[in-house]
Amino acid sequence: MSVQSAIQTKLQSRFQPRHLEVINESFMHSVPPGSETHFKVVVVSEVFDGKRSVARHQAVYQALADEVAGPVHALAIHTYTGAEWDAVAVAPDSPQCRGGSKHDH
């Protein structure tokens, strides 16, 4: 199973989201083609009702502990309740990579 598929499966199971995006942004960074190291996730779930941003992010990190400890180098997390998502309906774009690969020395 790909890292992206594993992330999607775990987030789907844990949060039963109304909307879920798992985007592999590795191509935007100094990594070999086909890498699965940099991801952006957008999770819209009623599980987040009444929870602050930090608690939401902690819950996502907990669900993806194996991936973050292993192949995932960077994880951009965007969490919303249904009402919050209805107000924005799009997650912010990720910033451009500034380089800094350990191989660039």
C-alpha atoms as a PDB file:
ATOM      1  CA  MET A   1       0.000   0.000   0.000  1.00  0.00           C
ATOM      2  CA  SER A   2       1.302   3.444  -0.857  1.00  0.00           C
ATOM      3  CA  VAL A   3       1.942   5.973   1.891  1.00  0.00           C
ATOM      4  CA  GLN A   4      -0.784   8.189   0.435  1.00  0.00           C
ATOM      5  CA  SER A   5      -3.294   5.301   0.522  1.00  0.00           C
ATOM      6  CA  ALA A   6      -2.344   4.439   4.104  1.00  0.00           C
ATOM      7  CA  ILE A   7      -2.867   8.062   5.178  1.00  0.00           C
ATOM      8  CA  GLN A   8      -6.226   8.216   3.420  1.00  0.00           C
ATOM      9  CA  THR A   9      -7.401   4.922   4.954  1.00  0.00           C
ATOM     10  CA  LYS A  10      -6.388   5.911   8.485  1.00  0.00           C
ATOM     11  CA  LEU A  11      -7.943   9.375   8.325  1.00  0.00           C
ATOM     12  CA  GLN A  12     -11.147   7.987   6.823  1.00  0.00           C
ATOM     13  CA  SER A  13     -11.407   5.363   9.552  1.00  0.00           C
ATOM     14  CA  ARG A  14     -10.553   7.687  12.455  1.00  0.00           C
ATOM     15  CA  PHE A  15     -12.553  10.786  11.520  1.00  0.00           C
ATOM     16  CA  GLN A  16     -15.355   9.599   9.206  1.00  0.00           C
ATOM     17  CA  PRO A  17     -14.872  12.867   7.320  1.00  0.00           C
ATOM     18  CA  ARG A  18     -17.470  14.660   5.281  1.00  0.00           C
ATOM     19  CA  HIS A  19     -14.599  15.785   3.059  1.00  0.00           C
ATOM     20  CA  LEU A  20     -11.048  14.419   2.858  1.00  0.00           C
ATOM     21  CA  GLU A  21      -8.110  15.369   0.675  1.00  0.00           C
ATOM     22  CA  VAL A  22      -4.713  13.714   0.881  1.00  0.00           C
ATOM     23  CA  ILE A  23      -2.345  15.465  -1.512  1.00  0.00           C
ATOM     24  CA  ASN A  24       1.175  14.260  -2.190  1.00  0.00           C
ATOM     25  CA  GLU A  25       3.221  17.456  -2.489  1.00  0.00           C
ATOM     26  CA  SER A  26       6.589  15.707  -2.629  1.00  0.00           C
ATOM     27  CA  PHE A  27       7.144  16.842  -6.220  1.00  0.00           C
ATOM     28  CA  MET A  28       7.393  20.418  -4.888  1.00  0.00           C
ATOM     29  CA  HIS A  29      10.489  19.549  -2.848  1.00  0.00           C
ATOM     30  CA  SER A  30      14.069  18.374  -3.307  1.00  0.00           C
ATOM     31  CA  VAL A  31      13.292  14.658  -3.309  1.00  0.00           C
ATOM     32  CA  PRO A  32      13.572  11.921  -5.934  1.00  0.00           C
ATOM     33  CA  PRO A  33      10.685  11.567  -8.411  1.00  0.00           C
ATOM     34  CA  GLY A  34       7.900   9.340  -7.102  1.00  0.00           C
ATOM     35  CA  SER A  35       8.634  10.123  -3.449  1.00  0.00           C
ATOM     36  CA  GLU A  36       5.916  10.061  -0.812  1.00  0.00           C
ATOM     37  CA  THR A  37       7.432  12.295   1.844  1.00  0.00           C
ATOM     38  CA  HIS A  38       5.487  15.578   1.839  1.00  0.00           C
ATOM     39  CA  PHE A  39       1.711  15.663   2.204  1.00  0.00           C
ATOM     40  CA  LYS A  40      -1.129  18.095   2.712  1.00  0.00           C
ATOM     41  CA  VAL A  41      -4.295  16.774   4.329  1.00  0.00           C
ATOM     42  CA  VAL A  42      -7.666  18.473   4.525  1.00  0.00           C
ATOM     43  CA  VAL A  43     -10.073  16.838   6.959  1.00  0.00           C
ATOM     44  CA  VAL A  44     -13.637  18.051   7.445  1.00  0.00           C
ATOM     45  CA  SER A  45     -15.303  16.209  10.308  1.00  0.00           C
ATOM     46  CA  GLU A  46     -17.866  16.770  13.006  1.00  0.00           C
ATOM     47  CA  VAL A  47     -15.349  15.087  15.344  1.00  0.00           C
ATOM     48  CA  PHE A  48     -13.646  18.503  15.436  1.00  0.00           C
ATOM     49  CA  ASP A  49     -16.709  20.315  16.820  1.00  0.00           C
ATOM     50  CA  GLY A  50     -15.738  22.184  19.985  1.00  0.00           C
ATOM     51  CA  LYS A  51     -12.026  21.353  19.629  1.00  0.00           C
ATOM     52  CA  ARG A  52      -9.270  23.911  19.228  1.00  0.00           C
ATOM     53  CA  SER A  53      -6.835  23.735  16.337  1.00  0.00           C
ATOM     54  CA  VAL A  54      -4.051  22.230  18.468  1.00  0.00           C
ATOM     55  CA  ALA A  55      -6.271  19.353  19.641  1.00  0.00           C
ATOM     56  CA  ARG A  56      -7.398  18.689  16.076  1.00  0.00           C
ATOM     57  CA  HIS A  57      -3.816  18.549  14.821  1.00  0.00           C
ATOM     58  CA  GLN A  58      -2.787  16.300  17.703  1.00  0.00           C
ATOM     59  CA  ALA A  59      -5.583  13.896  16.770  1.00  0.00           C
ATOM     60  CA  VAL A  60      -4.375  13.783  13.149  1.00  0.00           C
ATOM     61  CA  TYR A  61      -0.759  13.251  14.240  1.00  0.00           C
ATOM     62  CA  GLN A  62      -1.894  10.456  16.553  1.00  0.00           C
ATOM     63  CA  ALA A  63      -3.793   8.753  13.729  1.00  0.00           C
ATOM     64  CA  LEU A  64      -0.726   9.005  11.466  1.00  0.00           C
ATOM     65  CA  ALA A  65       1.975   8.269  14.051  1.00  0.00           C
ATOM     66  CA  ASP A  66       3.548   5.450  12.025  1.00  0.00           C
ATOM     67  CA  GLU A  67       3.746   7.503   8.847  1.00  0.00           C
ATOM     68  CA  VAL A  68       5.158  10.581  10.598  1.00  0.00           C
ATOM     69  CA  ALA A  69       7.751   8.427  12.377  1.00  0.00           C
ATOM     70  CA  GLY A  70       8.771   6.833   9.094  1.00  0.00           C
ATOM     71  CA  PRO A  71       8.380   7.908   5.508  1.00  0.00           C
ATOM     72  CA  VAL A  72       6.567  11.245   5.965  1.00  0.00           C
ATOM     73  CA  HIS A  73       8.945  14.169   6.323  1.00  0.00           C
ATOM     74  CA  ALA A  74       6.373  16.996   6.238  1.00  0.00           C
ATOM     75  CA  LEU A  75       2.655  17.092   6.882  1.00  0.00           C
ATOM     76  CA  ALA A  76       0.491  20.185   6.333  1.00  0.00           C
ATOM     77  CA  ILE A  77      -2.754  19.748   8.266  1.00  0.00           C
ATOM     78  CA  HIS A  78      -5.965  21.674   7.629  1.00  0.00           C
ATOM     79  CA  THR A  79      -8.897  20.655   9.829  1.00  0.00           C
ATOM     80  CA  TYR A  80     -12.432  21.995   9.718  1.00  0.00           C
ATOM     81  CA  THR A  81     -15.852  21.353  11.156  1.00  0.00           C
ATOM     82  CA  GLY A  82     -18.658  21.117   8.624  1.00  0.00           C
ATOM     83  CA  ALA A  83     -19.750  24.698   9.327  1.00  0.00           C
ATOM     84  CA  GLU A  84     -16.179  26.020   8.991  1.00  0.00           C
ATOM     85  CA  TRP A  85     -15.738  24.196   5.685  1.00  0.00           C
ATOM     86  CA  ASP A  86     -19.027  25.565   4.375  1.00  0.00           C
ATOM     87  CA  ALA A  87     -17.644  29.051   5.012  1.00  0.00           C
ATOM     88  CA  VAL A  88     -14.310  28.519   3.202  1.00  0.00           C
ATOM     89  CA  ALA A  89     -14.705  25.413   0.979  1.00  0.00           C
ATOM     90  CA  VAL A  90     -11.017  25.430   0.076  1.00  0.00           C
ATOM     91  CA  ALA A  91      -7.812  24.878   2.018  1.00  0.00           C
ATOM     92  CA  PRO A  92      -4.923  27.317   1.623  1.00  0.00           C
ATOM     93  CA  ASP A  93      -2.186  26.556  -0.884  1.00  0.00           C
ATOM     94  CA  SER A  94       1.075  25.240   0.462  1.00  0.00           C
ATOM     95  CA  PRO A  95       4.068  27.567   0.259  1.00  0.00           C
ATOM     96  CA  GLN A  96       6.744  27.022  -2.349  1.00  0.00           C
ATOM     97  CA  CYS A  97       9.714  24.922  -1.292  1.00  0.00           C
ATOM     98  CA  ARG A  98      12.748  27.005  -0.398  1.00  0.00           C
ATOM     99  CA  GLY A  99      15.168  24.166  -1.043  1.00  0.00           C
ATOM    100  CA  GLY A 100      17.569  23.265   1.678  1.00  0.00           C
ATOM    101  CA  SER A 101      18.001  19.612   0.804  1.00  0.00           C
ATOM    102  CA  LYS A 102      20.733  17.953   2.833  1.00  0.00           C
ATOM    103  CA  HIS A 103      22.183  16.926  -0.520  1.00  0.00           C
ATOM    104  CA  ASP A 104      22.706  20.558  -1.593  1.00  0.00           C
ATOM    105  CA  HIS A 105      25.771  21.175   0.615  1.00  0.00           C
END
